[in-house]
């Protein structure tokens, strides 16, 4: 229970840790306990249209795929997401993720984009 009440430290790539709110959620997958770290903050710098804007992030380590980090910006009715994995996802899985994201947007009344990349790509650019 103490782990649930202790906010995780955000990844260094998110910048100043004090600006982020974080929570850990336990997940049971294939009889294994995993921890999903969630982070969010209100984004006051991007308040161009006088609407609520947020920066969001999640971190999870899966036995098969390694570390997965998701960063997103929610500005009004638009969400842009970058999902970075430790290793390249199979092409079929990447297509399924992109399709699922695209099909979810209209149900949430949002527009947006999903960018998938793996760590090696992130360091090459």
C-alpha atoms as a PDB file:
ATOM      1  CA  UNK A   1       0.000   0.000   0.000  1.00  0.00           C
ATOM      2  CA  UNK A   2       2.892   2.357   0.668  1.00  0.00           C
ATOM      3  CA  UNK A   3       3.951   2.076  -2.990  1.00  0.00           C
ATOM      4  CA  UNK A   4       0.527   3.317  -4.099  1.00  0.00           C
ATOM      5  CA  UNK A   5       0.848   6.429  -1.949  1.00  0.00           C
ATOM      6  CA  UNK A   6       4.423   7.202  -2.978  1.00  0.00           C
ATOM      7  CA  UNK A   7       4.512   9.147  -6.230  1.00  0.00           C
ATOM      8  CA  UNK A   8       7.176   7.915  -8.647  1.00  0.00           C
ATOM      9  CA  UNK A   9       9.882  10.251  -9.896  1.00  0.00           C
ATOM     10  CA  UNK A  10       9.153  11.339 -13.465  1.00  0.00           C
ATOM     11  CA  UNK A  11      11.649  10.487 -16.192  1.00  0.00           C
ATOM     12  CA  UNK A  12      14.403  13.084 -16.588  1.00  0.00           C
ATOM     13  CA  UNK A  13      13.212  13.685 -20.155  1.00  0.00           C
ATOM     14  CA  UNK A  14      10.091  15.398 -18.756  1.00  0.00           C
ATOM     15  CA  UNK A  15      12.057  18.236 -17.210  1.00  0.00           C
ATOM     16  CA  UNK A  16      11.466  19.740 -13.764  1.00  0.00           C
ATOM     17  CA  UNK A  17      10.098  16.937 -11.498  1.00  0.00           C
ATOM     18  CA  UNK A  18       8.302  19.326  -9.144  1.00  0.00           C
ATOM     19  CA  UNK A  19       5.886  20.373 -11.907  1.00  0.00           C
ATOM     20  CA  UNK A  20       4.541  16.834 -12.374  1.00  0.00           C
ATOM     21  CA  UNK A  21       1.966  14.862 -10.405  1.00  0.00           C
ATOM     22  CA  UNK A  22       2.606  11.126 -10.453  1.00  0.00           C
ATOM     23  CA  UNK A  23       0.924   7.895  -9.431  1.00  0.00           C
ATOM     24  CA  UNK A  24       1.856   4.233  -9.631  1.00  0.00           C
ATOM     25  CA  UNK A  25      -0.768   1.653 -10.547  1.00  0.00           C
ATOM     26  CA  UNK A  26      -0.232  -2.066 -10.083  1.00  0.00           C
ATOM     27  CA  UNK A  27      -1.004  -4.307 -13.061  1.00  0.00           C
ATOM     28  CA  UNK A  28      -1.105  -8.083 -13.042  1.00  0.00           C
ATOM     29  CA  UNK A  29      -0.080  -9.521 -16.406  1.00  0.00           C
ATOM     30  CA  UNK A  30       0.634 -13.212 -16.943  1.00  0.00           C
ATOM     31  CA  UNK A  31       0.769 -13.798 -13.171  1.00  0.00           C
ATOM     32  CA  UNK A  32       3.393 -11.073 -12.769  1.00  0.00           C
ATOM     33  CA  UNK A  33       3.043  -7.778 -10.907  1.00  0.00           C
ATOM     34  CA  UNK A  34       4.029  -4.760 -13.013  1.00  0.00           C
ATOM     35  CA  UNK A  35       3.868  -1.067 -12.148  1.00  0.00           C
ATOM     36  CA  UNK A  36       2.429   1.549 -14.481  1.00  0.00           C
ATOM     37  CA  UNK A  37       3.749   5.016 -13.676  1.00  0.00           C
ATOM     38  CA  UNK A  38       1.438   7.873 -14.720  1.00  0.00           C
ATOM     39  CA  UNK A  39       2.378  11.559 -14.755  1.00  0.00           C
ATOM     40  CA  UNK A  40       0.441  14.701 -15.620  1.00  0.00           C
ATOM     41  CA  UNK A  41       0.609  18.450 -15.265  1.00  0.00           C
ATOM     42  CA  UNK A  42      -1.421  21.383 -16.370  1.00  0.00           C
ATOM     43  CA  UNK A  43       0.357  23.131 -19.219  1.00  0.00           C
ATOM     44  CA  UNK A  44       0.007  26.870 -18.749  1.00  0.00           C
ATOM     45  CA  UNK A  45       2.583  27.780 -21.399  1.00  0.00           C
ATOM     46  CA  UNK A  46       0.417  26.498 -24.242  1.00  0.00           C
ATOM     47  CA  UNK A  47      -2.821  28.228 -23.209  1.00  0.00           C
ATOM     48  CA  UNK A  48      -3.396  29.928 -26.557  1.00  0.00           C
ATOM     49  CA  UNK A  49      -7.130  29.281 -26.830  1.00  0.00           C
ATOM     50  CA  UNK A  50      -8.111  29.799 -23.176  1.00  0.00           C
ATOM     51  CA  UNK A  51      -8.786  26.078 -22.720  1.00  0.00           C
ATOM     52  CA  UNK A  52      -7.342  23.521 -20.363  1.00  0.00           C
ATOM     53  CA  UNK A  53      -4.097  22.049 -21.728  1.00  0.00           C
ATOM     54  CA  UNK A  54      -2.200  19.170 -20.192  1.00  0.00           C
ATOM     55  CA  UNK A  55       1.036  17.291 -20.601  1.00  0.00           C
ATOM     56  CA  UNK A  56       0.737  13.573 -19.882  1.00  0.00           C
ATOM     57  CA  UNK A  57       3.229  10.731 -19.610  1.00  0.00           C
ATOM     58  CA  UNK A  58       3.273   7.032 -18.741  1.00  0.00           C
ATOM     59  CA  UNK A  59       6.036   4.509 -18.167  1.00  0.00           C
ATOM     60  CA  UNK A  60       5.806   0.727 -18.062  1.00  0.00           C
ATOM     61  CA  UNK A  61       8.313  -2.083 -18.398  1.00  0.00           C
ATOM     62  CA  UNK A  62       6.988  -5.236 -20.048  1.00  0.00           C
ATOM     63  CA  UNK A  63       8.967  -8.475 -19.900  1.00  0.00           C
ATOM     64  CA  UNK A  64       8.698  -9.055 -23.651  1.00  0.00           C
ATOM     65  CA  UNK A  65       9.250  -5.496 -24.931  1.00  0.00           C
ATOM     66  CA  UNK A  66      11.223  -3.747 -22.213  1.00  0.00           C
ATOM     67  CA  UNK A  67      10.582  -0.138 -21.227  1.00  0.00           C
ATOM     68  CA  UNK A  68       7.709   1.733 -22.873  1.00  0.00           C
ATOM     69  CA  UNK A  69       7.297   5.485 -22.395  1.00  0.00           C
ATOM     70  CA  UNK A  70       4.376   7.528 -23.621  1.00  0.00           C
ATOM     71  CA  UNK A  71       4.352  11.326 -23.751  1.00  0.00           C
ATOM     72  CA  UNK A  72       1.308  13.316 -24.817  1.00  0.00           C
ATOM     73  CA  UNK A  73      -0.002  16.857 -25.058  1.00  0.00           C
ATOM     74  CA  UNK A  74      -3.701  17.503 -24.724  1.00  0.00           C
ATOM     75  CA  UNK A  75      -4.675  20.919 -26.069  1.00  0.00           C
ATOM     76  CA  UNK A  76      -8.391  21.479 -26.200  1.00  0.00           C
ATOM     77  CA  UNK A  77      -9.811  18.762 -28.457  1.00  0.00           C
ATOM     78  CA  UNK A  78      -6.436  17.579 -29.781  1.00  0.00           C
ATOM     79  CA  UNK A  79      -4.042  15.008 -28.352  1.00  0.00           C
ATOM     80  CA  UNK A  80      -0.649  14.263 -29.847  1.00  0.00           C
ATOM     81  CA  UNK A  81       1.112  11.181 -28.508  1.00  0.00           C
ATOM     82  CA  UNK A  82       4.646   9.806 -28.834  1.00  0.00           C
ATOM     83  CA  UNK A  83       5.166   6.190 -27.776  1.00  0.00           C
ATOM     84  CA  UNK A  84       8.797   5.201 -27.382  1.00  0.00           C
ATOM     85  CA  UNK A  85       9.830   1.588 -26.828  1.00  0.00           C
ATOM     86  CA  UNK A  86      13.163   0.087 -25.831  1.00  0.00           C
ATOM     87  CA  UNK A  87      13.103  -2.133 -28.902  1.00  0.00           C
ATOM     88  CA  UNK A  88      11.363  -2.040 -32.243  1.00  0.00           C
ATOM     89  CA  UNK A  89       7.798  -3.368 -32.132  1.00  0.00           C
ATOM     90  CA  UNK A  90       6.714  -5.893 -34.748  1.00  0.00           C
ATOM     91  CA  UNK A  91       5.210  -4.163 -37.780  1.00  0.00           C
ATOM     92  CA  UNK A  92       1.795  -5.809 -37.255  1.00  0.00           C
ATOM     93  CA  UNK A  93       1.685  -4.627 -33.638  1.00  0.00           C
ATOM     94  CA  UNK A  94       2.599  -1.072 -34.663  1.00  0.00           C
ATOM     95  CA  UNK A  95      -0.210  -1.105 -37.229  1.00  0.00           C
ATOM     96  CA  UNK A  96      -2.677  -2.435 -34.636  1.00  0.00           C
ATOM     97  CA  UNK A  97      -1.671   0.287 -32.160  1.00  0.00           C
ATOM     98  CA  UNK A  98      -2.076   2.999 -34.797  1.00  0.00           C
ATOM     99  CA  UNK A  99      -5.488   1.640 -35.839  1.00  0.00           C
ATOM    100  CA  UNK A 100      -6.686   1.372 -32.231  1.00  0.00           C
ATOM    101  CA  UNK A 101      -5.557   4.938 -31.506  1.00  0.00           C
ATOM    102  CA  UNK A 102      -7.301   6.262 -34.632  1.00  0.00           C
ATOM    103  CA  UNK A 103     -10.543   4.435 -33.787  1.00  0.00           C
ATOM    104  CA  UNK A 104     -10.507   5.728 -30.210  1.00  0.00           C
ATOM    105  CA  UNK A 105     -10.202   9.419 -31.117  1.00  0.00           C
ATOM    106  CA  UNK A 106     -13.754   9.934 -32.483  1.00  0.00           C
ATOM    107  CA  UNK A 107     -15.266   8.207 -29.433  1.00  0.00           C
ATOM    108  CA  UNK A 108     -13.429  10.675 -27.204  1.00  0.00           C
ATOM    109  CA  UNK A 109     -14.330  13.585 -29.509  1.00  0.00           C
ATOM    110  CA  UNK A 110     -10.646  14.286 -30.076  1.00  0.00           C
ATOM    111  CA  UNK A 111      -8.312  14.705 -33.009  1.00  0.00           C
ATOM    112  CA  UNK A 112      -4.667  13.848 -32.833  1.00  0.00           C
ATOM    113  CA  UNK A 113      -1.657  11.869 -33.913  1.00  0.00           C
ATOM    114  CA  UNK A 114       0.348   8.907 -32.664  1.00  0.00           C
ATOM    115  CA  UNK A 115       4.068   8.613 -33.321  1.00  0.00           C
ATOM    116  CA  UNK A 116       5.723   5.257 -32.626  1.00  0.00           C
ATOM    117  CA  UNK A 117       9.483   4.959 -32.300  1.00  0.00           C
ATOM    118  CA  UNK A 118      12.087   2.930 -30.475  1.00  0.00           C
ATOM    119  CA  UNK A 119      15.019   4.231 -28.427  1.00  0.00           C
ATOM    120  CA  UNK A 120      17.584   3.811 -31.177  1.00  0.00           C
ATOM    121  CA  UNK A 121      15.500   6.034 -33.486  1.00  0.00           C
ATOM    122  CA  UNK A 122      15.173   8.680 -30.790  1.00  0.00           C
ATOM    123  CA  UNK A 123      18.938   8.948 -30.413  1.00  0.00           C
ATOM    124  CA  UNK A 124      19.570   9.030 -34.168  1.00  0.00           C
ATOM    125  CA  UNK A 125      17.420  12.136 -34.721  1.00  0.00           C
END
